[in-house]
Amino acid sequence: AEAVGAKMIHVSTDYVFEGNGTKPYTEFDAPNPVSAYGKTKLEGEKFVQQFSNHFFIFRTAWLYGVNGGNFPKTMLELAKTHDELTVVYDEVGTPTYTPDLAEAIGKLIETDYYGIYHITNSGSCSWCEFAKYIFEIAGVDVKVTPVTASEFARPAPRPSYSVLNNKKWVDNGFEPLRSYKEAIKDYLIYLKK
């Protein structure tokens, strides 16, 4: 890519941060990943920066879309066979709809505003709050019981707080992406088709 002057695009993650903060991470905050996944993603970012002068690194979070498995789809499937679900309340981030992310990437790569960008939908919530909102707008009656991340066994650590501030995106004149609450409505409409 560098030899022919092509733009390099790399999609990264909120997992490059340790997640101990209390305010949204900007592109200027120092990464400090706590999991193997976050560490390898950060190494990928470094590799791109080392070998390309025309790079875009897009850090994003909590992705869901029409393809593959994702949190909203899983919650709705589980609600079909369960009256009560336990969902983590002490991990906070921003659900991001893949078509919104793709549109933002498409706009930015038409420019020469190279660098690292945080691109997520606007707003933030816990997994528990997100599940409750999904069920509310989908009209699904299921009890959601909050649990801590430590009570919910997972194979790898996750950041407790990984909200990304889309500062450089806005600083370059782009409108903030719509709220995750609006985006999930479009996704649920798609699922009903």
Protein backbone atom coordinates (compact mmCIF):
# COMPACT_ATOMS: atom_id res chain seq x y z
CA ALA A 1 0.00 0.00 0.00
CA GLU A 2 2.79 2.41 0.88
CA ALA A 3 4.69 1.61 -2.32
CA VAL A 4 1.74 2.61 -4.51
CA GLY A 5 0.53 5.48 -2.31
CA ALA A 6 -2.66 3.71 -1.28
CA LYS A 7 -4.55 4.55 1.89
CA MET A 8 -4.31 1.99 4.68
CA ILE A 9 -7.43 1.28 6.76
CA HIS A 10 -7.28 -0.61 10.05
CA VAL A 11 -10.26 -1.28 12.31
CA SER A 12 -9.34 -1.44 15.99
CA THR A 13 -11.17 -1.54 19.30
CA ASP A 14 -12.01 0.06 22.63
CA TYR A 15 -10.11 -2.86 24.19
CA VAL A 16 -6.85 -0.94 23.67
CA PHE A 17 -7.81 0.93 26.88
CA GLU A 18 -7.68 -0.59 30.35
CA GLY A 19 -11.19 0.63 31.16
CA ASN A 20 -10.51 2.18 34.56
CA GLY A 21 -11.52 5.69 33.50
CA THR A 22 -14.65 7.64 34.25
CA LYS A 23 -14.77 9.90 31.18
CA PRO A 24 -14.80 8.99 27.48
CA TYR A 25 -11.39 8.16 26.02
CA THR A 26 -10.13 10.48 23.29
CA GLU A 27 -7.69 9.58 20.54
CA PHE A 28 -5.02 11.34 22.60
CA ASP A 29 -5.37 9.14 25.69
CA ALA A 30 -2.61 6.56 26.16
CA PRO A 31 -3.72 2.99 25.44
CA ASN A 32 -3.13 0.35 28.11
CA PRO A 33 -4.86 -2.92 27.16
CA VAL A 34 -5.51 -5.60 29.80
CA SER A 35 -6.39 -8.56 27.54
CA ALA A 36 -4.49 -10.48 24.88
CA TYR A 37 -7.08 -9.28 22.36
CA GLY A 38 -6.53 -5.62 23.27
CA LYS A 39 -2.75 -6.05 23.23
CA THR A 40 -2.74 -7.63 19.78
CA LYS A 41 -5.06 -4.93 18.42
CA LEU A 42 -2.73 -2.24 19.78
CA GLU A 43 0.26 -4.00 18.17
CA GLY A 44 -1.69 -3.95 14.90
CA GLU A 45 -2.19 -0.19 15.26
CA LYS A 46 1.54 0.28 15.85
CA PHE A 47 2.38 -1.87 12.84
CA VAL A 48 0.13 0.20 10.57
CA GLN A 49 1.66 3.46 11.81
CA GLN A 50 5.17 2.10 11.34
CA PHE A 51 4.71 1.13 7.72
CA SER A 52 2.21 3.63 6.32
CA ASN A 53 2.10 7.40 6.00
CA HIS A 54 -1.48 7.37 4.72
CA PHE A 55 -3.36 5.45 7.39
CA PHE A 56 -6.74 5.57 9.06
CA ILE A 57 -7.12 3.63 12.29
CA PHE A 58 -10.72 3.36 13.41
CA ARG A 59 -11.33 2.37 17.02
CA THR A 60 -14.89 1.30 17.58
CA ALA A 61 -16.89 -0.64 20.16
CA TRP A 62 -19.78 -2.97 20.92
CA LEU A 63 -20.54 -3.69 17.26
CA TYR A 64 -23.77 -5.22 16.01
CA GLY A 65 -25.21 -5.51 12.52
CA VAL A 66 -27.06 -7.71 10.10
CA ASN A 67 -24.32 -10.34 9.77
CA GLY A 68 -22.98 -12.68 12.41
CA GLY A 69 -23.78 -12.97 16.08
CA ASN A 70 -24.16 -9.93 18.28
CA PHE A 71 -25.56 -8.79 21.61
CA PRO A 72 -29.02 -7.56 20.48
CA LYS A 73 -29.64 -10.72 18.44
CA THR A 74 -28.51 -12.93 21.34
CA MET A 75 -30.72 -11.10 23.84
CA LEU A 76 -33.79 -11.44 21.62
CA GLU A 77 -33.11 -15.13 21.00
CA LEU A 78 -32.64 -15.84 24.72
CA ALA A 79 -35.86 -13.97 25.53
CA LYS A 80 -37.79 -16.51 23.45
CA THR A 81 -36.95 -19.29 25.91
CA HIS A 82 -36.31 -17.43 29.20
CA ASP A 83 -38.53 -15.35 31.47
CA GLU A 84 -35.49 -13.84 33.18
CA LEU A 85 -32.00 -12.95 31.96
CA THR A 86 -28.93 -11.87 33.92
CA VAL A 87 -26.94 -9.10 32.23
CA VAL A 88 -23.76 -7.30 33.31
CA TYR A 89 -24.32 -3.79 34.66
CA ASP A 90 -20.77 -2.71 35.54
CA GLU A 91 -19.35 -2.57 32.01
CA VAL A 92 -20.14 0.65 30.18
CA GLY A 93 -19.57 1.44 26.51
CA THR A 94 -21.29 2.53 23.32
CA PRO A 95 -23.27 0.12 21.15
CA THR A 96 -22.36 0.80 17.52
CA TYR A 97 -24.43 -0.17 14.48
CA THR A 98 -22.17 -1.42 11.68
CA PRO A 99 -23.94 0.49 8.85
CA ASP A 100 -23.36 3.75 10.77
CA LEU A 101 -19.69 2.85 11.26
CA ALA A 102 -19.32 1.92 7.57
CA GLU A 103 -20.86 5.21 6.47
CA ALA A 104 -18.49 7.18 8.72
CA ILE A 105 -15.47 5.27 7.42
CA GLY A 106 -16.61 5.91 3.85
CA LYS A 107 -16.78 9.65 4.48
CA LEU A 108 -13.41 9.88 6.19
CA ILE A 109 -11.42 7.87 3.66
CA GLU A 110 -12.44 10.37 0.99
CA THR A 111 -10.26 12.90 2.85
CA ASP A 112 -6.58 13.12 3.69
CA TYR A 113 -7.27 13.61 7.42
CA TYR A 114 -5.08 10.68 8.35
CA GLY A 115 -4.65 9.32 11.85
CA ILE A 116 -6.44 7.51 14.65
CA TYR A 117 -10.19 8.02 15.05
CA HIS A 118 -12.77 6.88 17.55
CA ILE A 119 -16.00 6.11 15.70
CA THR A 120 -19.07 4.96 17.63
CA ASN A 121 -22.70 5.89 17.85
CA SER A 122 -23.42 8.64 20.39
CA GLY A 123 -24.30 8.04 24.02
CA SER A 124 -23.31 5.26 26.38
CA CYS A 125 -24.87 2.58 28.56
CA SER A 126 -24.15 -0.64 30.42
CA TRP A 127 -24.90 -4.02 28.85
CA CYS A 128 -27.82 -4.29 31.27
CA GLU A 129 -29.26 -0.91 30.26
CA PHE A 130 -28.84 -1.83 26.60
CA ALA A 131 -30.67 -5.14 27.07
CA LYS A 132 -33.56 -3.43 28.87
CA TYR A 133 -33.82 -0.81 26.11
CA ILE A 134 -33.78 -3.49 23.38
CA PHE A 135 -36.63 -5.37 25.08
CA GLU A 136 -38.57 -2.15 25.67
CA ILE A 137 -38.55 -1.03 22.03
CA ALA A 138 -39.03 -4.58 20.74
CA GLY A 139 -42.05 -5.04 23.00
CA VAL A 140 -40.56 -8.12 24.66
CA ASP A 141 -41.60 -8.95 28.22
CA VAL A 142 -38.61 -10.42 30.05
CA LYS A 143 -37.12 -9.67 33.45
CA VAL A 144 -33.53 -8.37 33.31
CA THR A 145 -31.49 -8.95 36.46
CA PRO A 146 -28.27 -6.93 36.81
CA VAL A 147 -25.08 -8.84 37.71
CA THR A 148 -21.45 -7.81 38.03
CA ALA A 149 -18.88 -8.79 35.43
CA SER A 150 -17.15 -10.91 38.07
CA GLU A 151 -20.37 -12.92 38.51
CA PHE A 152 -20.62 -13.51 34.77
CA ALA A 153 -17.75 -15.85 33.87
CA ARG A 154 -15.89 -14.89 30.70
CA PRO A 155 -12.60 -16.29 29.38
CA ALA A 156 -10.87 -12.87 29.10
CA PRO A 157 -10.99 -9.56 30.97
CA ARG A 158 -12.95 -6.69 29.44
CA PRO A 159 -12.67 -2.96 30.09
CA SER A 160 -15.16 -1.78 32.74
CA TYR A 161 -15.51 1.63 31.11
CA SER A 162 -14.67 1.92 27.43
CA VAL A 163 -16.74 4.83 26.13
CA LEU A 164 -14.92 6.43 23.20
CA ASN A 165 -15.01 10.19 22.62
CA ASN A 166 -15.24 10.81 18.85
CA LYS A 167 -13.23 14.03 19.21
CA LYS A 168 -11.13 13.97 16.03
CA TRP A 169 -14.16 13.04 13.93
CA VAL A 170 -16.05 16.10 15.19
CA ASP A 171 -12.94 18.33 15.10
CA ASN A 172 -12.63 17.57 11.38
CA GLY A 173 -16.12 18.94 10.76
CA PHE A 174 -18.24 15.80 10.78
CA GLU A 175 -21.54 15.52 12.63
CA PRO A 176 -21.59 13.14 15.60
CA LEU A 177 -23.09 9.78 14.74
CA ARG A 178 -26.69 9.35 15.83
CA SER A 179 -27.57 8.01 19.26
CA TYR A 180 -27.25 4.28 19.84
CA LYS A 181 -30.92 4.46 20.91
CA GLU A 182 -31.93 5.55 17.41
CA ALA A 183 -29.60 3.13 15.66
CA ILE A 184 -30.93 0.06 17.48
CA LYS A 185 -34.46 0.93 16.33
CA ASP A 186 -33.34 0.62 12.69
CA TYR A 187 -31.65 -2.68 13.43
CA LEU A 188 -34.78 -4.10 15.06
CA ILE A 189 -36.86 -3.01 12.05
CA TYR A 190 -34.39 -4.85 9.83
CA LEU A 191 -34.71 -8.03 11.94
CA LYS A 192 -38.50 -8.03 11.49
CA LYS A 193 -38.22 -8.13 7.69
